[in-house]
C-alpha atoms as a PDB file:
ATOM      1  CA  MET A   1     -10.895   9.554  49.615  1.00  0.00           C
ATOM      2  CA  ILE A   2      -7.970   7.205  49.479  1.00  0.00           C
ATOM      3  CA  LYS A   3      -4.376   8.274  49.861  1.00  0.00           C
ATOM      4  CA  LEU A   4      -1.802   7.615  47.146  1.00  0.00           C
ATOM      5  CA  LYS A   5       1.880   7.865  47.996  1.00  0.00           C
ATOM      6  CA  LEU A   6       4.808   7.519  45.598  1.00  0.00           C
ATOM      7  CA  ILE A   7       8.152   7.034  47.294  1.00  0.00           C
ATOM      8  CA  THR A   8      10.949   7.513  44.812  1.00  0.00           C
ATOM      9  CA  LEU A   9      14.712   7.602  44.944  1.00  0.00           C
ATOM     10  CA  GLY A  10      15.744  10.665  43.000  1.00  0.00           C
ATOM     11  CA  LYS A  11      14.114  13.833  41.733  1.00  0.00           C
ATOM     12  CA  LEU A  12      12.627  14.787  38.395  1.00  0.00           C
ATOM     13  CA  LYS A  13      15.258  17.008  36.794  1.00  0.00           C
ATOM     14  CA  GLU A  14      13.670  17.977  33.507  1.00  0.00           C
ATOM     15  CA  LYS A  15      10.928  20.614  33.467  1.00  0.00           C
ATOM     16  CA  TYR A  16       8.775  18.712  30.966  1.00  0.00           C
ATOM     17  CA  LEU A  17       8.815  15.612  33.206  1.00  0.00           C
ATOM     18  CA  ARG A  18       7.876  17.661  36.287  1.00  0.00           C
ATOM     19  CA  GLU A  19       5.021  19.188  34.286  1.00  0.00           C
ATOM     20  CA  ALA A  20       3.844  15.736  33.173  1.00  0.00           C
ATOM     21  CA  ALA A  21       3.966  14.436  36.763  1.00  0.00           C
ATOM     22  CA  ASP A  22       2.073  17.508  37.972  1.00  0.00           C
ATOM     23  CA  GLU A  23      -0.602  16.927  35.326  1.00  0.00           C
ATOM     24  CA  TYR A  24      -1.199  13.344  36.472  1.00  0.00           C
ATOM     25  CA  VAL A  25      -1.214  14.354  40.136  1.00  0.00           C
ATOM     26  CA  LYS A  26      -3.861  16.946  39.224  1.00  0.00           C
ATOM     27  CA  ARG A  27      -5.916  14.318  37.373  1.00  0.00           C
ATOM     28  CA  LEU A  28      -5.549  11.872  40.254  1.00  0.00           C
ATOM     29  CA  SER A  29      -6.876  14.461  42.718  1.00  0.00           C
ATOM     30  CA  ALA A  30     -10.418  13.421  41.751  1.00  0.00           C
ATOM     31  CA  TYR A  31      -9.706   9.940  43.143  1.00  0.00           C
ATOM     32  CA  ALA A  32      -6.919  10.177  45.695  1.00  0.00           C
ATOM     33  CA  LYS A  33      -4.937  12.558  47.843  1.00  0.00           C
ATOM     34  CA  THR A  34      -1.557  12.146  46.172  1.00  0.00           C
ATOM     35  CA  GLU A  35       1.841  12.670  47.771  1.00  0.00           C
ATOM     36  CA  ILE A  36       5.197  12.219  46.064  1.00  0.00           C
ATOM     37  CA  ILE A  37       8.159  11.710  48.376  1.00  0.00           C
ATOM     38  CA  GLU A  38      11.548  12.117  46.728  1.00  0.00           C
ATOM     39  CA  LEU A  39      14.444  10.607  48.643  1.00  0.00           C
ATOM     40  CA  GLU A  40      18.080  11.221  47.852  1.00  0.00           C
ATOM     41  CA  PRO A  41      19.746   8.058  46.504  1.00  0.00           C
ATOM     42  CA  VAL A  42      23.001   6.976  48.108  1.00  0.00           C
ATOM     43  CA  LYS A  43      25.934   8.115  45.999  1.00  0.00           C
ATOM     44  CA  LEU A  44      28.096   5.303  44.670  1.00  0.00           C
ATOM     45  CA  PRO A  45      31.373   5.248  42.737  1.00  0.00           C
ATOM     46  CA  GLU A  46      31.351   4.698  38.965  1.00  0.00           C
ATOM     47  CA  SER A  47      31.901   0.937  39.296  1.00  0.00           C
ATOM     48  CA  PRO A  48      30.708  -0.026  42.775  1.00  0.00           C
ATOM     49  CA  SER A  49      31.434  -3.402  44.328  1.00  0.00           C
ATOM     50  CA  ASP A  50      28.579  -5.729  45.231  1.00  0.00           C
ATOM     51  CA  ALA A  51      29.162  -4.870  48.911  1.00  0.00           C
ATOM     52  CA  GLU A  52      28.926  -1.125  48.194  1.00  0.00           C
ATOM     53  CA  VAL A  53      25.672  -1.628  46.270  1.00  0.00           C
ATOM     54  CA  GLU A  54      24.244  -3.764  49.091  1.00  0.00           C
ATOM     55  CA  ARG A  55      25.143  -1.100  51.691  1.00  0.00           C
ATOM     56  CA  ALA A  56      23.571   1.635  49.544  1.00  0.00           C
ATOM     57  CA  LEU A  57      20.375  -0.357  49.009  1.00  0.00           C
ATOM     58  CA  SER A  58      20.197  -1.111  52.728  1.00  0.00           C
ATOM     59  CA  THR A  59      20.571   2.586  53.587  1.00  0.00           C
ATOM     60  CA  GLU A  60      17.918   3.511  51.017  1.00  0.00           C
ATOM     61  CA  ALA A  61      15.622   0.816  52.430  1.00  0.00           C
ATOM     62  CA  GLU A  62      15.850   2.391  55.883  1.00  0.00           C
ATOM     63  CA  MET A  63      14.919   5.793  54.425  1.00  0.00           C
ATOM     64  CA  ILE A  64      11.947   4.212  52.615  1.00  0.00           C
ATOM     65  CA  LYS A  65      10.724   2.351  55.706  1.00  0.00           C
ATOM     66  CA  LYS A  66      10.514   5.635  57.636  1.00  0.00           C
ATOM     67  CA  LYS A  67       7.976   6.870  55.073  1.00  0.00           C
ATOM     68  CA  LEU A  68       5.690   3.816  55.215  1.00  0.00           C
ATOM     69  CA  THR A  69       2.370   3.769  57.049  1.00  0.00           C
ATOM     70  CA  ASP A  70       0.923   0.731  58.825  1.00  0.00           C
ATOM     71  CA  GLY A  71      -1.936  -0.821  56.889  1.00  0.00           C
ATOM     72  CA  ALA A  72      -0.986   0.702  53.543  1.00  0.00           C
ATOM     73  CA  LEU A  73      -0.954  -1.415  50.398  1.00  0.00           C
ATOM     74  CA  ILE A  74       2.723  -1.476  49.429  1.00  0.00           C
ATOM     75  CA  THR A  75       3.707  -2.002  45.816  1.00  0.00           C
ATOM     76  CA  ALA A  76       7.397  -2.421  45.023  1.00  0.00           C
ATOM     77  CA  MET A  77       8.326  -1.615  41.463  1.00  0.00           C
ATOM     78  CA  CYS A  78      10.874  -4.236  40.461  1.00  0.00           C
ATOM     79  CA  ILE A  79      11.820  -5.974  37.245  1.00  0.00           C
ATOM     80  CA  GLU A  80      11.158  -9.434  38.708  1.00  0.00           C
ATOM     81  CA  GLY A  81       7.653  -8.394  39.727  1.00  0.00           C
ATOM     82  CA  ARG A  82       4.431  -9.530  38.121  1.00  0.00           C
ATOM     83  CA  GLN A  83       3.172  -7.878  34.966  1.00  0.00           C
ATOM     84  CA  PHE A  84      -0.516  -6.983  34.685  1.00  0.00           C
ATOM     85  CA  SER A  85      -2.645  -5.653  31.887  1.00  0.00           C
ATOM     86  CA  SER A  86      -4.147  -2.253  32.647  1.00  0.00           C
ATOM     87  CA  GLU A  87      -7.500  -3.944  33.314  1.00  0.00           C
ATOM     88  CA  GLU A  88      -5.959  -6.510  35.681  1.00  0.00           C
ATOM     89  CA  PHE A  89      -4.068  -3.773  37.512  1.00  0.00           C
ATOM     90  CA  SER A  90      -7.252  -1.724  37.908  1.00  0.00           C
ATOM     91  CA  LYS A  91      -9.148  -4.729  39.239  1.00  0.00           C
ATOM     92  CA  LYS A  92      -6.371  -5.542  41.727  1.00  0.00           C
ATOM     93  CA  LEU A  93      -6.242  -1.966  43.072  1.00  0.00           C
ATOM     94  CA  THR A  94     -10.039  -1.783  43.244  1.00  0.00           C
ATOM     95  CA  THR A  95     -10.149  -5.048  45.199  1.00  0.00           C
ATOM     96  CA  TYR A  96      -7.675  -3.704  47.764  1.00  0.00           C
ATOM     97  CA  ILE A  97      -9.459  -0.347  48.026  1.00  0.00           C
ATOM     98  CA  ASN A  98     -12.866  -2.002  48.437  1.00  0.00           C
ATOM     99  CA  GLY A  99     -11.298  -4.278  51.059  1.00  0.00           C
ATOM    100  CA  GLY A 100     -10.500  -1.267  53.225  1.00  0.00           C
ATOM    101  CA  ARG A 101      -6.946  -0.382  52.190  1.00  0.00           C
ATOM    102  CA  GLY A 102      -7.139   3.391  52.338  1.00  0.00           C
ATOM    103  CA  GLU A 103      -3.549   4.087  51.326  1.00  0.00           C
ATOM    104  CA  LEU A 104      -1.710   2.891  48.232  1.00  0.00           C
ATOM    105  CA  VAL A 105       2.079   3.189  48.314  1.00  0.00           C
ATOM    106  CA  PHE A 106       4.258   2.695  45.239  1.00  0.00           C
ATOM    107  CA  ILE A 107       8.026   2.502  45.684  1.00  0.00           C
ATOM    108  CA  ILE A 108      10.481   3.220  42.867  1.00  0.00           C
ATOM    109  CA  GLY A 109      14.063   2.382  43.787  1.00  0.00           C
ATOM    110  CA  SER A 110      17.347   3.837  42.670  1.00  0.00           C
ATOM    111  CA  SER A 111      19.280   2.740  39.589  1.00  0.00           C
ATOM    112  CA  PHE A 112      20.310  -0.435  41.452  1.00  0.00           C
ATOM    113  CA  GLY A 113      16.721  -1.249  42.365  1.00  0.00           C
ATOM    114  CA  LEU A 114      15.278  -1.966  45.797  1.00  0.00           C
ATOM    115  CA  HIS A 115      16.714  -3.782  48.786  1.00  0.00           C
ATOM    116  CA  GLU A 116      15.273  -7.244  49.415  1.00  0.00           C
ATOM    117  CA  SER A 117      13.806  -6.060  52.722  1.00  0.00           C
ATOM    118  CA  ILE A 118      11.557  -3.612  50.852  1.00  0.00           C
ATOM    119  CA  LYS A 119      10.487  -6.271  48.377  1.00  0.00           C
ATOM    120  CA  ALA A 120       9.664  -8.552  51.323  1.00  0.00           C
ATOM    121  CA  LEU A 121       7.365  -5.879  52.791  1.00  0.00           C
ATOM    122  CA  ALA A 122       5.489  -5.427  49.525  1.00  0.00           C
ATOM    123  CA  ASP A 123       1.956  -6.703  49.035  1.00  0.00           C
ATOM    124  CA  ILE A 124       2.557  -6.494  45.291  1.00  0.00           C
ATOM    125  CA  LYS A 125       5.796  -6.731  43.342  1.00  0.00           C
ATOM    126  CA  LEU A 126       5.025  -5.015  40.048  1.00  0.00           C
ATOM    127  CA  SER A 127       6.911  -4.844  36.778  1.00  0.00           C
ATOM    128  CA  PHE A 128       5.815  -2.922  33.712  1.00  0.00           C
ATOM    129  CA  SER A 129       8.197  -4.778  31.420  1.00  0.00           C
ATOM    130  CA  ALA A 130      11.392  -6.784  31.212  1.00  0.00           C
ATOM    131  CA  MET A 131      12.845  -3.676  29.583  1.00  0.00           C
ATOM    132  CA  THR A 132      14.723  -1.026  31.523  1.00  0.00           C
ATOM    133  CA  PHE A 133      13.293   2.507  31.593  1.00  0.00           C
ATOM    134  CA  PRO A 134      14.802   5.789  32.784  1.00  0.00           C
ATOM    135  CA  HIS A 135      13.686   6.379  36.386  1.00  0.00           C
ATOM    136  CA  GLN A 136      12.364   9.828  35.599  1.00  0.00           C
ATOM    137  CA  LEU A 137      10.218   8.612  32.705  1.00  0.00           C
ATOM    138  CA  PHE A 138       9.072   5.591  34.672  1.00  0.00           C
ATOM    139  CA  ARG A 139       7.528   7.792  37.360  1.00  0.00           C
ATOM    140  CA  ILE A 140       5.306   9.394  34.687  1.00  0.00           C
ATOM    141  CA  MET A 141       4.380   5.969  33.335  1.00  0.00           C
ATOM    142  CA  LEU A 142       3.409   4.789  36.821  1.00  0.00           C
ATOM    143  CA  LEU A 143       1.303   7.873  37.543  1.00  0.00           C
ATOM    144  CA  GLU A 144      -0.465   7.430  34.204  1.00  0.00           C
ATOM    145  CA  GLN A 145      -1.216   3.754  34.868  1.00  0.00           C
ATOM    146  CA  VAL A 146      -2.609   4.488  38.332  1.00  0.00           C
ATOM    147  CA  TYR A 147      -4.783   7.221  36.809  1.00  0.00           C
ATOM    148  CA  ARG A 148      -5.845   4.796  34.067  1.00  0.00           C
ATOM    149  CA  SER A 149      -6.750   2.238  36.742  1.00  0.00           C
ATOM    150  CA  PHE A 150      -9.168   4.667  38.352  1.00  0.00           C
ATOM    151  CA  LYS A 151     -10.661   5.546  34.975  1.00  0.00           C
ATOM    152  CA  ILE A 152     -11.119   1.853  34.109  1.00  0.00           C
ATOM    153  CA  ALA A 153     -12.780   1.224  37.483  1.00  0.00           C
ATOM    154  CA  GLU A 154     -15.323   3.984  36.851  1.00  0.00           C
ATOM    155  CA  GLY A 155     -16.031   2.748  33.311  1.00  0.00           C
ATOM    156  CA  SER A 156     -14.629   5.848  31.628  1.00  0.00           C
ATOM    157  CA  ARG A 157     -13.839   6.082  27.917  1.00  0.00           C
ATOM    158  CA  TYR A 158     -10.270   7.252  28.774  1.00  0.00           C
ATOM    159  CA  HIS A 159      -9.042   3.673  28.497  1.00  0.00           C
ATOM    160  CA  LYS A 160     -10.471   3.094  25.022  1.00  0.00           C
END
């Protein structure tokens, strides 16, 4: 069984979002051992300078790097990343899994995104849209799309 790891900056605060995340983790358990790692984002002032943002992102990047495993497929969630259809995303993940990548890591940054060093480590830079989504809701969307990818790969009617 493959390993699925979500590394996120921030926690789910609302009960209904935690319940939704738990539901998708439960569904994913048929396909992957899933771990969600919640890291504390660096606190910034209301209107931070570019230098303060850069320092915060750098600090967050170091926290993220400590949670990465050698050989894992790293996907950085970033607005400048590539957009895939659900079918394309499923095919891409299946190709990596069939190629021997036993761990899939998805990284969701803080409200200022991800440091360039994390993006440089990524095998895939992925964007769901040019739109901005709340971080808490986005985690649910990501879990659902990964679950959908597995369902597509097995030929399930879930995707229909």
